[in-house]
Amino acid sequence: MEKYAKRISEKDNVVTVVADCDAGDEVTVKFKNTETKYKCNQKVPFGHKIAVVDIPKGAAVIKYGETIGSA
């Protein structure tokens, strides 16, 4: 079964998975006219976020195009 994640804004550096993902699962993110695949490094429950870029410690975590916290 293919796994998907939701991206809200092009500024986002995290996406939200819409199904439970196990370590090693491939997750597809469709945004505008692009489709990008990422691999889960660990188990990620439904509704949780995965980073789509490296986020250094202390850097902003961005979802909905807004800062929601820091790494």
PDB file of N, CA and C in Angstrom:
ATOM      1  N   MET A   1       0.843  -1.179   0.000  1.00  0.00           N
ATOM      2  CA  MET A   1       0.000   0.000   0.000  1.00  0.00           C
ATOM      3  C   MET A   1       0.892   1.248   0.000  1.00  0.00           C
ATOM      4  N   GLU A   2       0.623   2.144  -0.915  1.00  0.00           N
ATOM      5  CA  GLU A   2       1.415   3.368  -1.001  1.00  0.00           C
ATOM      6  C   GLU A   2       1.024   4.313   0.131  1.00  0.00           C
ATOM      7  N   LYS A   3       2.018   4.959   0.710  1.00  0.00           N
ATOM      8  CA  LYS A   3       1.812   5.898   1.819  1.00  0.00           C
ATOM      9  C   LYS A   3       1.945   7.322   1.285  1.00  0.00           C
ATOM     10  N   TYR A   4       1.137   8.215   1.843  1.00  0.00           N
ATOM     11  CA  TYR A   4       1.139   9.606   1.408  1.00  0.00           C
ATOM     12  C   TYR A   4       1.343  10.538   2.593  1.00  0.00           C
ATOM     13  N   ALA A   5       1.800  11.741   2.285  1.00  0.00           N
ATOM     14  CA  ALA A   5       1.918  12.800   3.281  1.00  0.00           C
ATOM     15  C   ALA A   5       1.396  14.086   2.660  1.00  0.00           C
ATOM     16  N   LYS A   6       0.901  14.971   3.504  1.00  0.00           N
ATOM     17  CA  LYS A   6       0.271  16.213   3.060  1.00  0.00           C
ATOM     18  C   LYS A   6       1.208  17.392   3.289  1.00  0.00           C
ATOM     19  N   ARG A   7       1.441  18.141   2.217  1.00  0.00           N
ATOM     20  CA  ARG A   7       2.214  19.384   2.306  1.00  0.00           C
ATOM     21  C   ARG A   7       1.251  20.529   2.057  1.00  0.00           C
ATOM     22  N   ILE A   8       1.299  21.548   2.894  1.00  0.00           N
ATOM     23  CA  ILE A   8       0.351  22.653   2.818  1.00  0.00           C
ATOM     24  C   ILE A   8       0.919  23.850   2.055  1.00  0.00           C
ATOM     25  N   SER A   9       2.173  24.181   2.320  1.00  0.00           N
ATOM     26  CA  SER A   9       2.794  25.377   1.743  1.00  0.00           C
ATOM     27  C   SER A   9       4.163  25.028   1.166  1.00  0.00           C
ATOM     28  N   GLU A  10       4.577  25.751   0.143  1.00  0.00           N
ATOM     29  CA  GLU A  10       5.912  25.506  -0.415  1.00  0.00           C
ATOM     30  C   GLU A  10       7.008  25.898   0.575  1.00  0.00           C
ATOM     31  N   LYS A  11       6.676  26.667   1.614  1.00  0.00           N
ATOM     32  CA  LYS A  11       7.645  27.036   2.646  1.00  0.00           C
ATOM     33  C   LYS A  11       7.869  25.912   3.662  1.00  0.00           C
ATOM     34  N   ASP A  12       6.961  24.941   3.722  1.00  0.00           N
ATOM     35  CA  ASP A  12       7.014  23.887   4.741  1.00  0.00           C
ATOM     36  C   ASP A  12       8.286  23.053   4.643  1.00  0.00           C
ATOM     37  N   ASN A  13       8.885  22.773   5.803  1.00  0.00           N
ATOM     38  CA  ASN A  13      10.019  21.855   5.837  1.00  0.00           C
ATOM     39  C   ASN A  13       9.643  20.530   6.505  1.00  0.00           C
ATOM     40  N   VAL A  14       8.357  20.393   6.859  1.00  0.00           N
ATOM     41  CA  VAL A  14       7.804  19.131   7.347  1.00  0.00           C
ATOM     42  C   VAL A  14       6.497  18.860   6.616  1.00  0.00           C
ATOM     43  N   VAL A  15       6.136  17.571   6.544  1.00  0.00           N
ATOM     44  CA  VAL A  15       4.857  17.162   5.962  1.00  0.00           C
ATOM     45  C   VAL A  15       4.172  16.232   6.953  1.00  0.00           C
ATOM     46  N   THR A  16       2.851  16.092   6.835  1.00  0.00           N
ATOM     47  CA  THR A  16       2.074  15.260   7.745  1.00  0.00           C
ATOM     48  C   THR A  16       1.678  13.970   7.058  1.00  0.00           C
ATOM     49  N   VAL A  17       2.016  12.826   7.677  1.00  0.00           N
ATOM     50  CA  VAL A  17       1.655  11.536   7.082  1.00  0.00           C
ATOM     51  C   VAL A  17       0.172  11.264   7.313  1.00  0.00           C
ATOM     52  N   VAL A  18      -0.483  10.676   6.308  1.00  0.00           N
ATOM     53  CA  VAL A  18      -1.920  10.406   6.398  1.00  0.00           C
ATOM     54  C   VAL A  18      -2.207   8.920   6.588  1.00  0.00           C
ATOM     55  N   ALA A  19      -1.191   8.175   6.996  1.00  0.00           N
ATOM     56  CA  ALA A  19      -1.328   6.762   7.367  1.00  0.00           C
ATOM     57  C   ALA A  19      -0.118   6.404   8.220  1.00  0.00           C
ATOM     58  N   ASP A  20      -0.269   5.398   9.068  1.00  0.00           N
ATOM     59  CA  ASP A  20       0.886   4.925   9.838  1.00  0.00           C
ATOM     60  C   ASP A  20       1.986   4.488   8.880  1.00  0.00           C
ATOM     61  N   CYS A  21       3.223   4.845   9.186  1.00  0.00           N
ATOM     62  CA  CYS A  21       4.370   4.455   8.362  1.00  0.00           C
ATOM     63  C   CYS A  21       5.375   3.723   9.228  1.00  0.00           C
ATOM     64  N   ASP A  22       5.932   2.664   8.692  1.00  0.00           N
ATOM     65  CA  ASP A  22       6.985   1.918   9.375  1.00  0.00           C
ATOM     66  C   ASP A  22       8.341   2.355   8.842  1.00  0.00           C
ATOM     67  N   ALA A  23       9.387   2.078   9.602  1.00  0.00           N
ATOM     68  CA  ALA A  23      10.744   2.374   9.147  1.00  0.00           C
ATOM     69  C   ALA A  23      10.971   1.688   7.808  1.00  0.00           C
ATOM     70  N   GLY A  24      11.502   2.436   6.853  1.00  0.00           N
ATOM     71  CA  GLY A  24      11.764   1.898   5.523  1.00  0.00           C
ATOM     72  C   GLY A  24      10.652   2.130   4.524  1.00  0.00           C
ATOM     73  N   ASP A  25       9.456   2.511   4.999  1.00  0.00           N
ATOM     74  CA  ASP A  25       8.348   2.787   4.078  1.00  0.00           C
ATOM     75  C   ASP A  25       8.666   4.002   3.214  1.00  0.00           C
ATOM     76  N   GLU A  26       8.219   3.960   1.971  1.00  0.00           N
ATOM     77  CA  GLU A  26       8.344   5.099   1.074  1.00  0.00           C
ATOM     78  C   GLU A  26       7.068   5.922   1.188  1.00  0.00           C
ATOM     79  N   VAL A  27       7.224   7.235   1.325  1.00  0.00           N
ATOM     80  CA  VAL A  27       6.095   8.149   1.470  1.00  0.00           C
ATOM     81  C   VAL A  27       6.098   9.098   0.284  1.00  0.00           C
ATOM     82  N   THR A  28       4.949   9.234  -0.369  1.00  0.00           N
ATOM     83  CA  THR A  28       4.812  10.122  -1.520  1.00  0.00           C
ATOM     84  C   THR A  28       4.166  11.429  -1.083  1.00  0.00           C
ATOM     85  N   VAL A  29       4.790  12.534  -1.478  1.00  0.00           N
ATOM     86  CA  VAL A  29       4.243  13.860  -1.218  1.00  0.00           C
ATOM     87  C   VAL A  29       3.906  14.479  -2.560  1.00  0.00           C
ATOM     88  N   LYS A  30       2.619  14.754  -2.772  1.00  0.00           N
ATOM     89  CA  LYS A  30       2.183  15.451  -3.984  1.00  0.00           C
ATOM     90  C   LYS A  30       1.898  16.894  -3.592  1.00  0.00           C
ATOM     91  N   PHE A  31       2.516  17.811  -4.329  1.00  0.00           N
ATOM     92  CA  PHE A  31       2.322  19.231  -4.055  1.00  0.00           C
ATOM     93  C   PHE A  31       2.376  19.972  -5.372  1.00  0.00           C
ATOM     94  N   LYS A  32       1.310  20.692  -5.656  1.00  0.00           N
ATOM     95  CA  LYS A  32       1.157  21.375  -6.939  1.00  0.00           C
ATOM     96  C   LYS A  32       1.349  20.348  -8.051  1.00  0.00           C
ATOM     97  N   ASN A  33       2.284  20.554  -8.949  1.00  0.00           N
ATOM     98  CA  ASN A  33       2.473  19.616 -10.067  1.00  0.00           C
ATOM     99  C   ASN A  33       3.664  18.696  -9.870  1.00  0.00           C
ATOM    100  N   THR A  34       4.108  18.543  -8.625  1.00  0.00           N
ATOM    101  CA  THR A  34       5.266  17.690  -8.371  1.00  0.00           C
ATOM    102  C   THR A  34       4.900  16.525  -7.460  1.00  0.00           C
ATOM    103  N   GLU A  35       5.674  15.486  -7.569  1.00  0.00           N
ATOM    104  CA  GLU A  35       5.527  14.322  -6.695  1.00  0.00           C
ATOM    105  C   GLU A  35       6.929  13.937  -6.234  1.00  0.00           C
ATOM    106  N   THR A  36       7.118  13.910  -4.927  1.00  0.00           N
ATOM    107  CA  THR A  36       8.420  13.594  -4.359  1.00  0.00           C
ATOM    108  C   THR A  36       8.271  12.433  -3.394  1.00  0.00           C
ATOM    109  N   LYS A  37       9.234  11.530  -3.408  1.00  0.00           N
ATOM    110  CA  LYS A  37       9.193  10.371  -2.520  1.00  0.00           C
ATOM    111  C   LYS A  37      10.288  10.494  -1.464  1.00  0.00           C
ATOM    112  N   TYR A  38       9.921  10.118  -0.239  1.00  0.00           N
ATOM    113  CA  TYR A  38      10.843  10.126   0.892  1.00  0.00           C
ATOM    114  C   TYR A  38      10.775   8.769   1.564  1.00  0.00           C
ATOM    115  N   LYS A  39      11.811   8.417   2.289  1.00  0.00           N
ATOM    116  CA  LYS A  39      11.836   7.155   3.019  1.00  0.00           C
ATOM    117  C   LYS A  39      11.804   7.455   4.515  1.00  0.00           C
ATOM    118  N   CYS A  40      10.908   6.770   5.243  1.00  0.00           N
ATOM    119  CA  CYS A  40      10.828   6.932   6.695  1.00  0.00           C
ATOM    120  C   CYS A  40      12.010   6.234   7.354  1.00  0.00           C
ATOM    121  N   ASN A  41      12.688   6.943   8.236  1.00  0.00           N
ATOM    122  CA  ASN A  41      13.818   6.370   8.966  1.00  0.00           C
ATOM    123  C   ASN A  41      13.369   5.628  10.216  1.00  0.00           C
ATOM    124  N   GLN A  42      12.139   5.909  10.651  1.00  0.00           N
ATOM    125  CA  GLN A  42      11.593   5.276  11.847  1.00  0.00           C
ATOM    126  C   GLN A  42      10.076   5.229  11.720  1.00  0.00           C
ATOM    127  N   LYS A  43       9.430   4.538  12.646  1.00  0.00           N
ATOM    128  CA  LYS A  43       7.971   4.443  12.632  1.00  0.00           C
ATOM    129  C   LYS A  43       7.377   5.833  12.874  1.00  0.00           C
ATOM    130  N   VAL A  44       6.379   6.194  12.059  1.00  0.00           N
ATOM    131  CA  VAL A  44       5.718   7.495  12.173  1.00  0.00           C
ATOM    132  C   VAL A  44       4.213   7.249  12.212  1.00  0.00           C
ATOM    133  N   PRO A  45       3.541   7.579  13.325  1.00  0.00           N
ATOM    134  CA  PRO A  45       2.096   7.365  13.412  1.00  0.00           C
ATOM    135  C   PRO A  45       1.310   8.346  12.537  1.00  0.00           C
ATOM    136  N   PHE A  46       0.109   7.931  12.146  1.00  0.00           N
ATOM    137  CA  PHE A  46      -0.826   8.776  11.393  1.00  0.00           C
ATOM    138  C   PHE A  46      -0.923  10.156  12.054  1.00  0.00           C
ATOM    139  N   GLY A  47      -0.862  11.198  11.227  1.00  0.00           N
ATOM    140  CA  GLY A  47      -1.027  12.562  11.719  1.00  0.00           C
ATOM    141  C   GLY A  47       0.244  13.221  12.218  1.00  0.00           C
ATOM    142  N   HIS A  48       1.328  12.458  12.309  1.00  0.00           N
ATOM    143  CA  HIS A  48       2.595  13.040  12.756  1.00  0.00           C
ATOM    144  C   HIS A  48       3.379  13.566  11.557  1.00  0.00           C
ATOM    145  N   LYS A  49       4.431  14.314  11.841  1.00  0.00           N
ATOM    146  CA  LYS A  49       5.195  14.983  10.797  1.00  0.00           C
ATOM    147  C   LYS A  49       6.513  14.277  10.513  1.00  0.00           C
ATOM    148  N   ILE A  50       6.959  14.415   9.262  1.00  0.00           N
ATOM    149  CA  ILE A  50       8.313  14.015   8.896  1.00  0.00           C
ATOM    150  C   ILE A  50       8.979  15.212   8.221  1.00  0.00           C
ATOM    151  N   ALA A  51      10.267  15.358   8.466  1.00  0.00           N
ATOM    152  CA  ALA A  51      11.031  16.441   7.843  1.00  0.00           C
ATOM    153  C   ALA A  51      11.353  16.061   6.406  1.00  0.00           C
ATOM    154  N   VAL A  52      11.265  17.025   5.507  1.00  0.00           N
ATOM    155  CA  VAL A  52      11.591  16.779   4.097  1.00  0.00           C
ATOM    156  C   VAL A  52      12.927  17.416   3.715  1.00  0.00           C
ATOM    157  N   VAL A  53      13.554  18.073   4.683  1.00  0.00           N
ATOM    158  CA  VAL A  53      14.910  18.614   4.545  1.00  0.00           C
ATOM    159  C   VAL A  53      15.592  18.442   5.899  1.00  0.00           C
ATOM    160  N   ASP A  54      16.909  18.505   5.911  1.00  0.00           N
ATOM    161  CA  ASP A  54      17.613  18.500   7.196  1.00  0.00           C
ATOM    162  C   ASP A  54      17.280  19.795   7.926  1.00  0.00           C
ATOM    163  N   ILE A  55      16.868  19.675   9.186  1.00  0.00           N
ATOM    164  CA  ILE A  55      16.550  20.847   9.997  1.00  0.00           C
ATOM    165  C   ILE A  55      17.554  20.884  11.147  1.00  0.00           C
ATOM    166  N   PRO A  56      18.491  21.827  11.124  1.00  0.00           N
ATOM    167  CA  PRO A  56      19.498  21.890  12.190  1.00  0.00           C
ATOM    168  C   PRO A  56      18.866  22.181  13.551  1.00  0.00           C
ATOM    169  N   LYS A  57      19.524  21.730  14.611  1.00  0.00           N
ATOM    170  CA  LYS A  57      19.049  21.990  15.963  1.00  0.00           C
ATOM    171  C   LYS A  57      18.872  23.492  16.165  1.00  0.00           C
ATOM    172  N   GLY A  58      17.707  23.873  16.673  1.00  0.00           N
ATOM    173  CA  GLY A  58      17.404  25.274  16.928  1.00  0.00           C
ATOM    174  C   GLY A  58      16.745  25.989  15.766  1.00  0.00           C
ATOM    175  N   ALA A  59      16.741  25.372  14.575  1.00  0.00           N
ATOM    176  CA  ALA A  59      16.128  26.002  13.398  1.00  0.00           C
ATOM    177  C   ALA A  59      14.606  25.865  13.462  1.00  0.00           C
ATOM    178  N   ALA A  60      13.921  26.712  12.722  1.00  0.00           N
ATOM    179  CA  ALA A  60      12.462  26.714  12.701  1.00  0.00           C
ATOM    180  C   ALA A  60      11.904  25.468  12.018  1.00  0.00           C
ATOM    181  N   VAL A  61      10.838  24.930  12.614  1.00  0.00           N
ATOM    182  CA  VAL A  61      10.039  23.879  11.985  1.00  0.00           C
ATOM    183  C   VAL A  61       8.846  24.606  11.376  1.00  0.00           C
ATOM    184  N   ILE A  62       8.654  24.430  10.060  1.00  0.00           N
ATOM    185  CA  ILE A  62       7.637  25.206   9.350  1.00  0.00           C
ATOM    186  C   ILE A  62       6.566  24.288   8.782  1.00  0.00           C
ATOM    187  N   LYS A  63       5.306  24.574   9.148  1.00  0.00           N
ATOM    188  CA  LYS A  63       4.131  23.866   8.637  1.00  0.00           C
ATOM    189  C   LYS A  63       3.070  24.930   8.407  1.00  0.00           C
ATOM    190  N   TYR A  64       2.240  24.759   7.413  1.00  0.00           N
ATOM    191  CA  TYR A  64       1.237  25.758   7.018  1.00  0.00           C
ATOM    192  C   TYR A  64       1.901  27.062   6.591  1.00  0.00           C
ATOM    193  N   GLY A  65       3.200  27.007   6.250  1.00  0.00           N
ATOM    194  CA  GLY A  65       3.927  28.211   5.878  1.00  0.00           C
ATOM    195  C   GLY A  65       4.318  29.065   7.068  1.00  0.00           C
ATOM    196  N   GLU A  66       4.092  28.561   8.284  1.00  0.00           N
ATOM    197  CA  GLU A  66       4.368  29.304   9.510  1.00  0.00           C
ATOM    198  C   GLU A  66       5.275  28.496  10.431  1.00  0.00           C
ATOM    199  N   THR A  67       6.028  29.181  11.260  1.00  0.00           N
ATOM    200  CA  THR A  67       6.858  28.501  12.254  1.00  0.00           C
ATOM    201  C   THR A  67       5.953  27.917  13.332  1.00  0.00           C
ATOM    202  N   ILE A  68       6.106  26.602  13.576  1.00  0.00           N
ATOM    203  CA  ILE A  68       5.294  25.946  14.611  1.00  0.00           C
ATOM    204  C   ILE A  68       6.154  25.485  15.787  1.00  0.00           C
ATOM    205  N   GLY A  69       7.452  25.705  15.698  1.00  0.00           N
ATOM    206  CA  GLY A  69       8.355  25.298  16.770  1.00  0.00           C
ATOM    207  C   GLY A  69       9.784  25.332  16.279  1.00  0.00           C
ATOM    208  N   SER A  70      10.662  24.719  17.066  1.00  0.00           N
ATOM    209  CA  SER A  70      12.062  24.653  16.656  1.00  0.00           C
ATOM    210  C   SER A  70      12.578  23.235  16.833  1.00  0.00           C
ATOM    211  N   ALA A  71      13.583  22.908  16.049  1.00  0.00           N
ATOM    212  CA  ALA A  71      14.141  21.546  16.073  1.00  0.00           C
ATOM    213  C   ALA A  71      15.046  21.362  17.269  1.00  0.00           C
TER     214      ALA A  71
END
